């Protein structure tokens, strides 16, 4: 990891939401590295700078100023589904997987760092997802044609200071 990487995206997929898909401030990670041709003939590349599992991030505590967390949101999608290829698919243990993802994203986030979370609730309500973390969101916004996509911002407070006990 370069010292220039101050932002982590551990589930970046094809980097769809980025204005600059090669932004040097962002470490683009994903558990997948694959290529697909979508139903309309477009190429889809999942090519992370680093392979990683967002439920077990290989970084020290407090390594990043910002984390962008856009995990897969589909439970039901066919094996050759373009949506599954584009967004990934959740496992049957999705609650545990996403809870670990939140824990890891907050762990690698620096004190007062920002977590930007994106969720599409076509199959799972955002309230079920927010119940998987104890962190309190600051603000959010619904977007998309049917307002199914939620953008939610968290701010990580510093850990409570424990005074040293001297003998």
N, C-alpha and C. Protein backbone atom coordinates (compact mmCIF):
# COMPACT_ATOMS: atom_id res chain seq x y z
N UNK A 1 0.84 -1.19 0.00
CA UNK A 1 0.00 0.00 0.00
C UNK A 1 0.88 1.24 0.00
N UNK A 2 0.54 2.18 -0.85
CA UNK A 2 1.26 3.44 -0.95
C UNK A 2 0.82 4.38 0.17
N UNK A 3 1.70 5.28 0.56
CA UNK A 3 1.33 6.29 1.54
C UNK A 3 0.28 7.23 0.99
N UNK A 4 0.10 7.24 -0.34
CA UNK A 4 -0.89 8.10 -0.97
C UNK A 4 -2.31 7.60 -0.72
N UNK A 5 -2.47 6.32 -0.39
CA UNK A 5 -3.80 5.76 -0.18
C UNK A 5 -4.33 6.17 1.20
N UNK A 6 -5.26 7.10 1.19
CA UNK A 6 -5.89 7.53 2.43
C UNK A 6 -7.34 7.03 2.50
N UNK A 7 -7.81 6.46 1.38
CA UNK A 7 -9.18 5.95 1.28
C UNK A 7 -9.11 4.47 0.92
N UNK A 8 -9.94 3.67 1.58
CA UNK A 8 -10.04 2.25 1.26
C UNK A 8 -11.44 1.96 0.74
N UNK A 9 -11.50 1.23 -0.36
CA UNK A 9 -12.77 0.69 -0.85
C UNK A 9 -12.57 -0.82 -0.94
N UNK A 10 -12.99 -1.58 0.08
CA UNK A 10 -12.70 -3.01 0.12
C UNK A 10 -13.65 -3.89 -0.70
N UNK A 11 -14.63 -3.28 -1.36
CA UNK A 11 -15.57 -4.02 -2.21
C UNK A 11 -15.86 -3.18 -3.45
N UNK A 12 -14.80 -2.78 -4.14
CA UNK A 12 -14.92 -1.77 -5.20
C UNK A 12 -15.53 -2.28 -6.50
N UNK A 13 -15.58 -3.59 -6.69
CA UNK A 13 -16.17 -4.11 -7.94
C UNK A 13 -15.53 -3.47 -9.15
N UNK A 14 -16.35 -2.96 -10.06
CA UNK A 14 -15.83 -2.33 -11.28
C UNK A 14 -15.64 -0.82 -11.11
N UNK A 15 -15.67 -0.33 -9.89
CA UNK A 15 -15.42 1.09 -9.56
C UNK A 15 -16.46 2.01 -10.20
N UNK A 16 -17.70 1.52 -10.31
CA UNK A 16 -18.76 2.24 -11.02
C UNK A 16 -19.01 3.65 -10.50
N UNK A 17 -18.93 3.86 -9.19
CA UNK A 17 -19.34 5.15 -8.63
C UNK A 17 -18.25 6.22 -8.69
N UNK A 18 -17.05 5.86 -9.12
CA UNK A 18 -15.93 6.80 -9.08
C UNK A 18 -15.85 7.68 -10.32
N UNK A 19 -15.59 8.97 -10.10
CA UNK A 19 -15.35 9.88 -11.21
C UNK A 19 -14.02 9.52 -11.87
N UNK A 20 -13.02 9.21 -11.05
CA UNK A 20 -11.69 8.80 -11.54
C UNK A 20 -11.45 7.37 -11.08
N UNK A 21 -11.60 6.43 -11.99
CA UNK A 21 -11.49 5.00 -11.66
C UNK A 21 -10.05 4.59 -11.36
N UNK A 22 -9.10 5.50 -11.48
CA UNK A 22 -7.70 5.24 -11.15
C UNK A 22 -7.21 6.18 -10.06
N UNK A 23 -8.11 6.77 -9.30
CA UNK A 23 -7.78 7.74 -8.25
C UNK A 23 -6.71 7.16 -7.33
N UNK A 24 -5.57 7.79 -7.28
CA UNK A 24 -4.43 7.29 -6.49
C UNK A 24 -4.63 7.43 -4.98
N UNK A 25 -5.63 8.18 -4.56
CA UNK A 25 -5.91 8.30 -3.13
C UNK A 25 -6.63 7.08 -2.59
N UNK A 26 -7.23 6.29 -3.50
CA UNK A 26 -8.08 5.16 -3.12
C UNK A 26 -7.35 3.84 -3.36
N UNK A 27 -7.39 2.98 -2.36
CA UNK A 27 -6.93 1.60 -2.54
C UNK A 27 -8.17 0.79 -2.89
N UNK A 28 -8.25 0.36 -4.14
CA UNK A 28 -9.39 -0.41 -4.64
C UNK A 28 -9.16 -1.88 -4.34
N UNK A 29 -10.04 -2.47 -3.55
CA UNK A 29 -9.94 -3.88 -3.22
C UNK A 29 -11.24 -4.60 -3.55
N UNK A 30 -11.14 -5.89 -3.68
CA UNK A 30 -12.32 -6.73 -3.88
C UNK A 30 -11.90 -8.17 -3.67
N UNK A 31 -12.87 -9.03 -3.38
CA UNK A 31 -12.61 -10.45 -3.21
C UNK A 31 -12.56 -11.15 -4.57
N UNK A 32 -13.09 -10.46 -5.58
CA UNK A 32 -13.17 -11.04 -6.93
C UNK A 32 -12.21 -10.34 -7.88
N UNK A 33 -11.71 -11.09 -8.85
CA UNK A 33 -10.99 -10.53 -10.00
C UNK A 33 -11.49 -11.33 -11.20
N UNK A 34 -12.30 -10.68 -12.03
CA UNK A 34 -12.93 -11.40 -13.14
C UNK A 34 -13.38 -10.44 -14.22
N UNK A 35 -13.62 -10.99 -15.39
CA UNK A 35 -14.10 -10.24 -16.55
C UNK A 35 -15.40 -10.86 -17.04
N UNK A 36 -16.32 -10.01 -17.50
CA UNK A 36 -17.61 -10.47 -18.01
C UNK A 36 -17.99 -9.65 -19.23
N UNK A 37 -18.84 -10.21 -20.05
CA UNK A 37 -19.50 -9.46 -21.11
C UNK A 37 -20.96 -9.40 -20.71
N UNK A 38 -21.48 -8.18 -20.54
CA UNK A 38 -22.86 -8.01 -20.11
C UNK A 38 -23.83 -8.28 -21.26
N UNK A 39 -25.10 -8.38 -20.93
CA UNK A 39 -26.13 -8.73 -21.92
C UNK A 39 -26.18 -7.75 -23.08
N UNK A 40 -25.75 -6.50 -22.88
CA UNK A 40 -25.76 -5.52 -23.96
C UNK A 40 -24.42 -5.45 -24.70
N UNK A 41 -23.51 -6.39 -24.36
CA UNK A 41 -22.24 -6.47 -25.07
C UNK A 41 -21.10 -5.69 -24.42
N UNK A 42 -21.39 -4.89 -23.41
CA UNK A 42 -20.33 -4.13 -22.74
C UNK A 42 -19.45 -5.04 -21.91
N UNK A 43 -18.17 -4.68 -21.84
CA UNK A 43 -17.24 -5.43 -21.00
C UNK A 43 -17.33 -4.93 -19.56
N UNK A 44 -17.25 -5.84 -18.62
CA UNK A 44 -17.26 -5.51 -17.20
C UNK A 44 -16.01 -6.11 -16.59
N UNK A 45 -15.17 -5.26 -16.04
CA UNK A 45 -13.92 -5.69 -15.43
C UNK A 45 -13.96 -5.48 -13.93
N UNK A 46 -13.77 -6.55 -13.17
CA UNK A 46 -13.57 -6.46 -11.73
C UNK A 46 -12.08 -6.69 -11.55
N UNK A 47 -11.34 -5.60 -11.39
CA UNK A 47 -9.88 -5.69 -11.36
C UNK A 47 -9.35 -4.84 -10.19
N UNK A 48 -9.40 -5.40 -8.98
CA UNK A 48 -8.94 -4.62 -7.83
C UNK A 48 -7.41 -4.45 -7.85
N UNK A 49 -6.97 -3.37 -7.22
CA UNK A 49 -5.52 -3.19 -7.05
C UNK A 49 -4.99 -4.24 -6.09
N UNK A 50 -5.86 -4.73 -5.20
CA UNK A 50 -5.47 -5.72 -4.21
C UNK A 50 -6.67 -6.62 -3.91
N UNK A 51 -6.45 -7.92 -3.95
CA UNK A 51 -7.51 -8.85 -3.56
C UNK A 51 -7.63 -8.83 -2.04
N UNK A 52 -8.88 -8.72 -1.56
CA UNK A 52 -9.11 -8.70 -0.11
C UNK A 52 -10.54 -9.09 0.19
N UNK A 53 -10.75 -9.55 1.40
CA UNK A 53 -12.06 -9.90 1.92
C UNK A 53 -12.43 -8.83 2.93
N UNK A 54 -13.53 -8.11 2.69
CA UNK A 54 -13.88 -7.01 3.61
C UNK A 54 -14.20 -7.49 5.01
N UNK A 55 -14.40 -8.78 5.20
CA UNK A 55 -14.66 -9.32 6.54
C UNK A 55 -13.37 -9.66 7.28
N UNK A 56 -12.22 -9.57 6.61
CA UNK A 56 -10.91 -9.83 7.22
C UNK A 56 -9.87 -8.95 6.52
N UNK A 57 -9.86 -7.68 6.84
CA UNK A 57 -8.98 -6.74 6.15
C UNK A 57 -7.54 -6.87 6.67
N UNK A 58 -6.57 -6.86 5.74
CA UNK A 58 -5.17 -7.05 6.12
C UNK A 58 -4.42 -5.76 6.46
N UNK A 59 -5.07 -4.87 7.22
CA UNK A 59 -4.46 -3.58 7.55
C UNK A 59 -4.50 -3.35 9.05
N UNK A 60 -3.58 -2.51 9.51
CA UNK A 60 -3.53 -2.15 10.93
C UNK A 60 -4.71 -1.25 11.29
N UNK A 61 -5.04 -1.22 12.56
CA UNK A 61 -6.09 -0.33 13.06
C UNK A 61 -5.76 1.11 12.66
N UNK A 62 -6.79 1.87 12.29
CA UNK A 62 -6.62 3.29 12.01
C UNK A 62 -5.79 3.62 10.79
N UNK A 63 -5.76 2.76 9.79
CA UNK A 63 -4.90 2.95 8.61
C UNK A 63 -5.44 3.94 7.58
N UNK A 64 -6.74 4.24 7.61
CA UNK A 64 -7.33 5.05 6.54
C UNK A 64 -8.16 6.20 7.11
N UNK A 65 -8.21 7.30 6.37
CA UNK A 65 -9.01 8.47 6.75
C UNK A 65 -10.46 8.30 6.33
N UNK A 66 -10.69 7.51 5.27
CA UNK A 66 -12.04 7.27 4.77
C UNK A 66 -12.13 5.83 4.29
N UNK A 67 -13.29 5.24 4.50
CA UNK A 67 -13.59 3.92 3.94
C UNK A 67 -14.91 4.05 3.19
N UNK A 68 -14.93 3.53 1.97
CA UNK A 68 -16.14 3.48 1.17
C UNK A 68 -16.57 2.02 1.16
N UNK A 69 -17.75 1.74 1.69
CA UNK A 69 -18.21 0.35 1.85
C UNK A 69 -19.49 0.16 1.04
N UNK A 70 -19.36 -0.52 -0.08
CA UNK A 70 -20.47 -0.81 -0.99
C UNK A 70 -20.48 -2.32 -1.24
N UNK A 71 -20.92 -3.09 -0.23
CA UNK A 71 -20.88 -4.55 -0.36
C UNK A 71 -21.98 -5.06 -1.29
N UNK A 72 -21.89 -6.32 -1.70
CA UNK A 72 -22.98 -6.90 -2.49
C UNK A 72 -24.30 -6.77 -1.72
N UNK A 73 -25.38 -6.61 -2.47
CA UNK A 73 -26.68 -6.44 -1.83
C UNK A 73 -27.71 -7.47 -2.31
N UNK A 74 -27.30 -8.38 -3.17
CA UNK A 74 -28.23 -9.36 -3.73
C UNK A 74 -28.15 -10.69 -3.01
N UNK A 75 -29.29 -11.20 -2.61
CA UNK A 75 -29.40 -12.56 -2.07
C UNK A 75 -29.80 -13.53 -3.18
N UNK A 76 -30.70 -13.05 -4.02
CA UNK A 76 -31.23 -13.89 -5.09
C UNK A 76 -30.80 -13.32 -6.43
N UNK A 77 -29.99 -14.08 -7.14
CA UNK A 77 -29.57 -13.72 -8.50
C UNK A 77 -29.03 -14.99 -9.14
N UNK A 78 -29.37 -15.19 -10.38
CA UNK A 78 -28.92 -16.39 -11.08
C UNK A 78 -27.42 -16.43 -11.27
N UNK A 79 -26.87 -17.64 -11.49
CA UNK A 79 -25.42 -17.78 -11.64
C UNK A 79 -24.85 -17.04 -12.85
N UNK A 80 -25.68 -16.77 -13.85
CA UNK A 80 -25.22 -16.03 -15.03
C UNK A 80 -25.88 -14.65 -15.12
N UNK A 81 -26.44 -14.20 -14.01
CA UNK A 81 -27.11 -12.91 -13.94
C UNK A 81 -26.11 -11.77 -14.12
N UNK A 82 -26.48 -10.78 -14.95
CA UNK A 82 -25.60 -9.63 -15.12
C UNK A 82 -25.51 -8.82 -13.83
N UNK A 83 -26.59 -8.81 -13.03
CA UNK A 83 -26.54 -8.09 -11.76
C UNK A 83 -25.58 -8.76 -10.79
N UNK A 84 -25.57 -10.06 -10.77
CA UNK A 84 -24.64 -10.79 -9.91
C UNK A 84 -23.20 -10.53 -10.35
N UNK A 85 -22.97 -10.52 -11.66
CA UNK A 85 -21.62 -10.23 -12.18
C UNK A 85 -21.20 -8.82 -11.82
N UNK A 86 -22.13 -7.88 -11.92
CA UNK A 86 -21.81 -6.47 -11.69
C UNK A 86 -21.64 -6.13 -10.21
N UNK A 87 -22.53 -6.68 -9.37
CA UNK A 87 -22.56 -6.27 -7.96
C UNK A 87 -22.08 -7.33 -6.97
N UNK A 88 -21.93 -8.57 -7.42
CA UNK A 88 -21.60 -9.65 -6.49
C UNK A 88 -22.87 -10.16 -5.83
N UNK A 89 -22.72 -11.17 -5.01
CA UNK A 89 -23.89 -11.80 -4.39
C UNK A 89 -23.55 -12.14 -2.94
N UNK A 90 -24.53 -12.00 -2.07
CA UNK A 90 -24.36 -12.32 -0.66
C UNK A 90 -24.43 -13.83 -0.43
N UNK A 91 -23.75 -14.29 0.60
CA UNK A 91 -23.83 -15.69 1.01
C UNK A 91 -25.04 -15.89 1.92
N UNK A 92 -25.35 -17.14 2.23
CA UNK A 92 -26.47 -17.42 3.13
C UNK A 92 -26.23 -16.84 4.52
N UNK A 93 -24.98 -16.69 4.91
CA UNK A 93 -24.64 -16.10 6.22
C UNK A 93 -24.39 -14.59 6.09
N UNK A 94 -25.22 -13.91 5.29
CA UNK A 94 -25.00 -12.51 4.96
C UNK A 94 -24.99 -11.58 6.18
N UNK A 95 -25.79 -11.88 7.19
CA UNK A 95 -25.80 -11.02 8.38
C UNK A 95 -24.43 -11.03 9.06
N UNK A 96 -23.88 -12.21 9.27
CA UNK A 96 -22.56 -12.33 9.89
C UNK A 96 -21.49 -11.70 9.01
N UNK A 97 -21.57 -11.95 7.70
CA UNK A 97 -20.60 -11.40 6.76
C UNK A 97 -20.60 -9.87 6.78
N UNK A 98 -21.77 -9.26 6.73
CA UNK A 98 -21.86 -7.80 6.72
C UNK A 98 -21.52 -7.20 8.08
N UNK A 99 -21.90 -7.87 9.17
CA UNK A 99 -21.53 -7.39 10.51
C UNK A 99 -20.00 -7.37 10.64
N UNK A 100 -19.34 -8.43 10.18
CA UNK A 100 -17.87 -8.46 10.21
C UNK A 100 -17.31 -7.37 9.31
N UNK A 101 -17.95 -7.15 8.16
CA UNK A 101 -17.50 -6.09 7.26
C UNK A 101 -17.54 -4.72 7.91
N UNK A 102 -18.64 -4.41 8.58
CA UNK A 102 -18.73 -3.14 9.30
C UNK A 102 -17.64 -3.05 10.37
N UNK A 103 -17.48 -4.11 11.15
CA UNK A 103 -16.47 -4.12 12.22
C UNK A 103 -15.09 -3.85 11.65
N UNK A 104 -14.76 -4.53 10.57
CA UNK A 104 -13.44 -4.36 9.95
C UNK A 104 -13.26 -2.97 9.35
N UNK A 105 -14.28 -2.47 8.66
CA UNK A 105 -14.19 -1.13 8.07
C UNK A 105 -13.97 -0.07 9.15
N UNK A 106 -14.70 -0.18 10.27
CA UNK A 106 -14.49 0.78 11.35
C UNK A 106 -13.14 0.57 12.03
N UNK A 107 -12.67 -0.65 12.12
CA UNK A 107 -11.37 -0.93 12.75
C UNK A 107 -10.23 -0.25 11.99
N UNK A 108 -10.24 -0.32 10.65
CA UNK A 108 -9.14 0.25 9.86
C UNK A 108 -9.30 1.75 9.63
N UNK A 109 -10.42 2.30 10.07
CA UNK A 109 -10.68 3.73 9.94
C UNK A 109 -10.03 4.48 11.10
N UNK A 110 -9.39 5.58 10.79
CA UNK A 110 -8.75 6.42 11.79
C UNK A 110 -9.80 7.11 12.65
N UNK A 111 -9.43 7.54 13.86
CA UNK A 111 -10.34 8.32 14.70
C UNK A 111 -10.84 9.53 13.92
N UNK A 112 -12.11 9.80 14.03
CA UNK A 112 -12.82 10.86 13.33
C UNK A 112 -12.81 10.66 11.82
N UNK A 113 -12.51 9.45 11.38
CA UNK A 113 -12.56 9.12 9.96
C UNK A 113 -14.00 8.91 9.51
N UNK A 114 -14.20 8.95 8.21
CA UNK A 114 -15.53 8.86 7.62
C UNK A 114 -15.73 7.53 6.92
N UNK A 115 -16.86 6.90 7.18
CA UNK A 115 -17.28 5.71 6.45
C UNK A 115 -18.47 6.11 5.60
N UNK A 116 -18.34 5.92 4.29
CA UNK A 116 -19.45 6.15 3.36
C UNK A 116 -19.98 4.77 3.00
N UNK A 117 -21.24 4.54 3.32
CA UNK A 117 -21.87 3.23 3.10
C UNK A 117 -22.96 3.36 2.05
N UNK A 118 -22.96 2.44 1.08
CA UNK A 118 -23.96 2.44 0.03
C UNK A 118 -24.70 1.12 0.06
N UNK A 119 -26.03 1.20 0.03
CA UNK A 119 -26.83 -0.02 0.08
C UNK A 119 -28.06 0.12 -0.82
N UNK A 120 -28.34 -0.91 -1.61
CA UNK A 120 -29.57 -0.96 -2.40
C UNK A 120 -30.50 -1.96 -1.74
N UNK A 121 -31.70 -1.50 -1.38
CA UNK A 121 -32.59 -2.34 -0.59
C UNK A 121 -33.67 -3.04 -1.41
N UNK A 122 -33.36 -3.44 -2.62
CA UNK A 122 -34.37 -4.16 -3.41
C UNK A 122 -34.69 -5.53 -2.81
N UNK A 123 -33.74 -6.15 -2.10
CA UNK A 123 -33.99 -7.46 -1.50
C UNK A 123 -33.90 -7.48 0.02
N UNK A 124 -33.13 -6.58 0.60
CA UNK A 124 -32.97 -6.51 2.06
C UNK A 124 -33.10 -5.05 2.47
N UNK A 125 -33.96 -4.78 3.43
CA UNK A 125 -34.20 -3.40 3.88
C UNK A 125 -32.96 -2.83 4.56
N UNK A 126 -32.75 -1.56 4.37
CA UNK A 126 -31.60 -0.89 4.95
C UNK A 126 -31.65 -0.94 6.48
N UNK A 127 -32.83 -0.96 7.07
CA UNK A 127 -32.95 -1.04 8.53
C UNK A 127 -32.35 -2.35 9.05
N UNK A 128 -32.48 -3.44 8.30
CA UNK A 128 -31.87 -4.71 8.70
C UNK A 128 -30.35 -4.63 8.66
N UNK A 129 -29.84 -3.87 7.72
CA UNK A 129 -28.38 -3.74 7.56
C UNK A 129 -27.82 -2.84 8.66
N UNK A 130 -28.47 -1.72 8.94
CA UNK A 130 -27.98 -0.81 9.97
C UNK A 130 -28.01 -1.45 11.35
N UNK A 131 -28.85 -2.44 11.55
CA UNK A 131 -28.91 -3.16 12.83
C UNK A 131 -27.66 -4.03 13.05
N UNK A 132 -26.84 -4.17 12.02
CA UNK A 132 -25.64 -5.02 12.12
C UNK A 132 -24.43 -4.27 12.68
N UNK A 133 -24.57 -2.98 12.94
CA UNK A 133 -23.48 -2.20 13.52
C UNK A 133 -24.00 -1.36 14.68
N UNK A 134 -23.14 -1.13 15.67
CA UNK A 134 -23.49 -0.27 16.79
C UNK A 134 -23.22 1.20 16.50
N UNK A 135 -22.51 1.47 15.40
CA UNK A 135 -22.18 2.85 15.07
C UNK A 135 -23.43 3.59 14.60
N UNK A 136 -23.51 4.84 14.97
CA UNK A 136 -24.67 5.67 14.65
C UNK A 136 -24.37 6.50 13.39
N UNK A 137 -25.25 6.41 12.38
CA UNK A 137 -25.03 7.22 11.18
C UNK A 137 -25.18 8.71 11.46
N UNK A 138 -24.50 9.52 10.66
CA UNK A 138 -24.60 10.98 10.78
C UNK A 138 -25.71 11.49 9.87
N UNK A 139 -25.69 11.07 8.61
CA UNK A 139 -26.68 11.53 7.64
C UNK A 139 -26.75 10.54 6.49
N UNK A 140 -27.72 10.74 5.62
CA UNK A 140 -27.87 9.84 4.50
C UNK A 140 -28.79 10.42 3.45
N UNK A 141 -28.87 9.69 2.34
CA UNK A 141 -29.68 10.16 1.21
C UNK A 141 -30.15 8.95 0.42
N UNK A 142 -31.40 8.99 -0.02
CA UNK A 142 -31.93 7.95 -0.89
C UNK A 142 -31.85 8.45 -2.33
N UNK A 143 -31.48 7.53 -3.24
CA UNK A 143 -31.37 7.93 -4.64
C UNK A 143 -31.85 6.80 -5.54
N UNK A 144 -31.80 7.04 -6.82
CA UNK A 144 -32.21 6.04 -7.80
C UNK A 144 -33.65 6.25 -8.21
N UNK A 145 -34.05 5.59 -9.27
CA UNK A 145 -35.38 5.73 -9.85
C UNK A 145 -36.49 5.48 -8.83
N UNK A 146 -36.31 4.47 -7.98
CA UNK A 146 -37.32 4.13 -6.97
C UNK A 146 -36.84 4.46 -5.56
N UNK A 147 -35.78 5.24 -5.45
CA UNK A 147 -35.18 5.61 -4.16
C UNK A 147 -34.80 4.38 -3.34
N UNK A 148 -34.33 3.33 -4.00
CA UNK A 148 -33.91 2.11 -3.31
C UNK A 148 -32.46 2.14 -2.85
N UNK A 149 -31.67 3.06 -3.39
CA UNK A 149 -30.26 3.12 -3.02
C UNK A 149 -30.07 4.15 -1.91
N UNK A 150 -29.44 3.71 -0.85
CA UNK A 150 -29.19 4.57 0.31
C UNK A 150 -27.70 4.87 0.41
N UNK A 151 -27.38 6.13 0.58
CA UNK A 151 -26.02 6.58 0.88
C UNK A 151 -26.04 7.03 2.33
N UNK A 152 -25.20 6.43 3.15
CA UNK A 152 -25.22 6.71 4.59
C UNK A 152 -23.79 7.03 5.03
N UNK A 153 -23.65 8.09 5.81
CA UNK A 153 -22.33 8.53 6.26
C UNK A 153 -22.21 8.33 7.77
N UNK A 154 -21.10 7.74 8.17
CA UNK A 154 -20.77 7.53 9.58
C UNK A 154 -19.48 8.30 9.89
N UNK A 155 -19.32 8.72 11.12
CA UNK A 155 -18.09 9.34 11.60
C UNK A 155 -17.61 8.50 12.78
N UNK A 156 -16.38 8.00 12.70
CA UNK A 156 -15.86 7.14 13.77
C UNK A 156 -15.31 7.98 14.92
N UNK A 157 -15.93 7.86 16.08
CA UNK A 157 -15.39 8.58 17.23
C UNK A 157 -14.14 7.88 17.75
N UNK A 158 -13.29 8.61 18.43
CA UNK A 158 -12.12 7.93 19.01
C UNK A 158 -12.55 6.98 20.12
N UNK A 159 -11.74 5.95 20.32
CA UNK A 159 -12.01 5.00 21.40
C UNK A 159 -11.89 5.74 22.73
N UNK A 160 -12.70 5.39 23.70
CA UNK A 160 -12.59 6.03 25.01
C UNK A 160 -11.17 5.81 25.57
N UNK A 161 -10.63 6.87 26.14
CA UNK A 161 -9.29 6.77 26.72
C UNK A 161 -9.35 6.06 28.07
N UNK A 162 -8.49 5.07 28.23
CA UNK A 162 -8.39 4.38 29.49
C UNK A 162 -7.14 4.88 30.19
N UNK A 163 -7.28 5.51 31.35
CA UNK A 163 -6.09 6.03 32.04
C UNK A 163 -5.19 4.90 32.48
N UNK A 164 -3.89 5.20 32.43
CA UNK A 164 -2.91 4.22 32.89
C UNK A 164 -2.99 4.07 34.40
N UNK A 165 -2.93 2.86 34.86
CA UNK A 165 -2.91 2.60 36.30
C UNK A 165 -1.47 2.30 36.69
N UNK A 166 -0.95 3.14 37.55
CA UNK A 166 0.46 2.97 37.96
C UNK A 166 0.50 2.28 39.31
N UNK A 167 1.44 1.33 39.45
CA UNK A 167 1.55 0.61 40.73
C UNK A 167 2.06 1.49 41.86
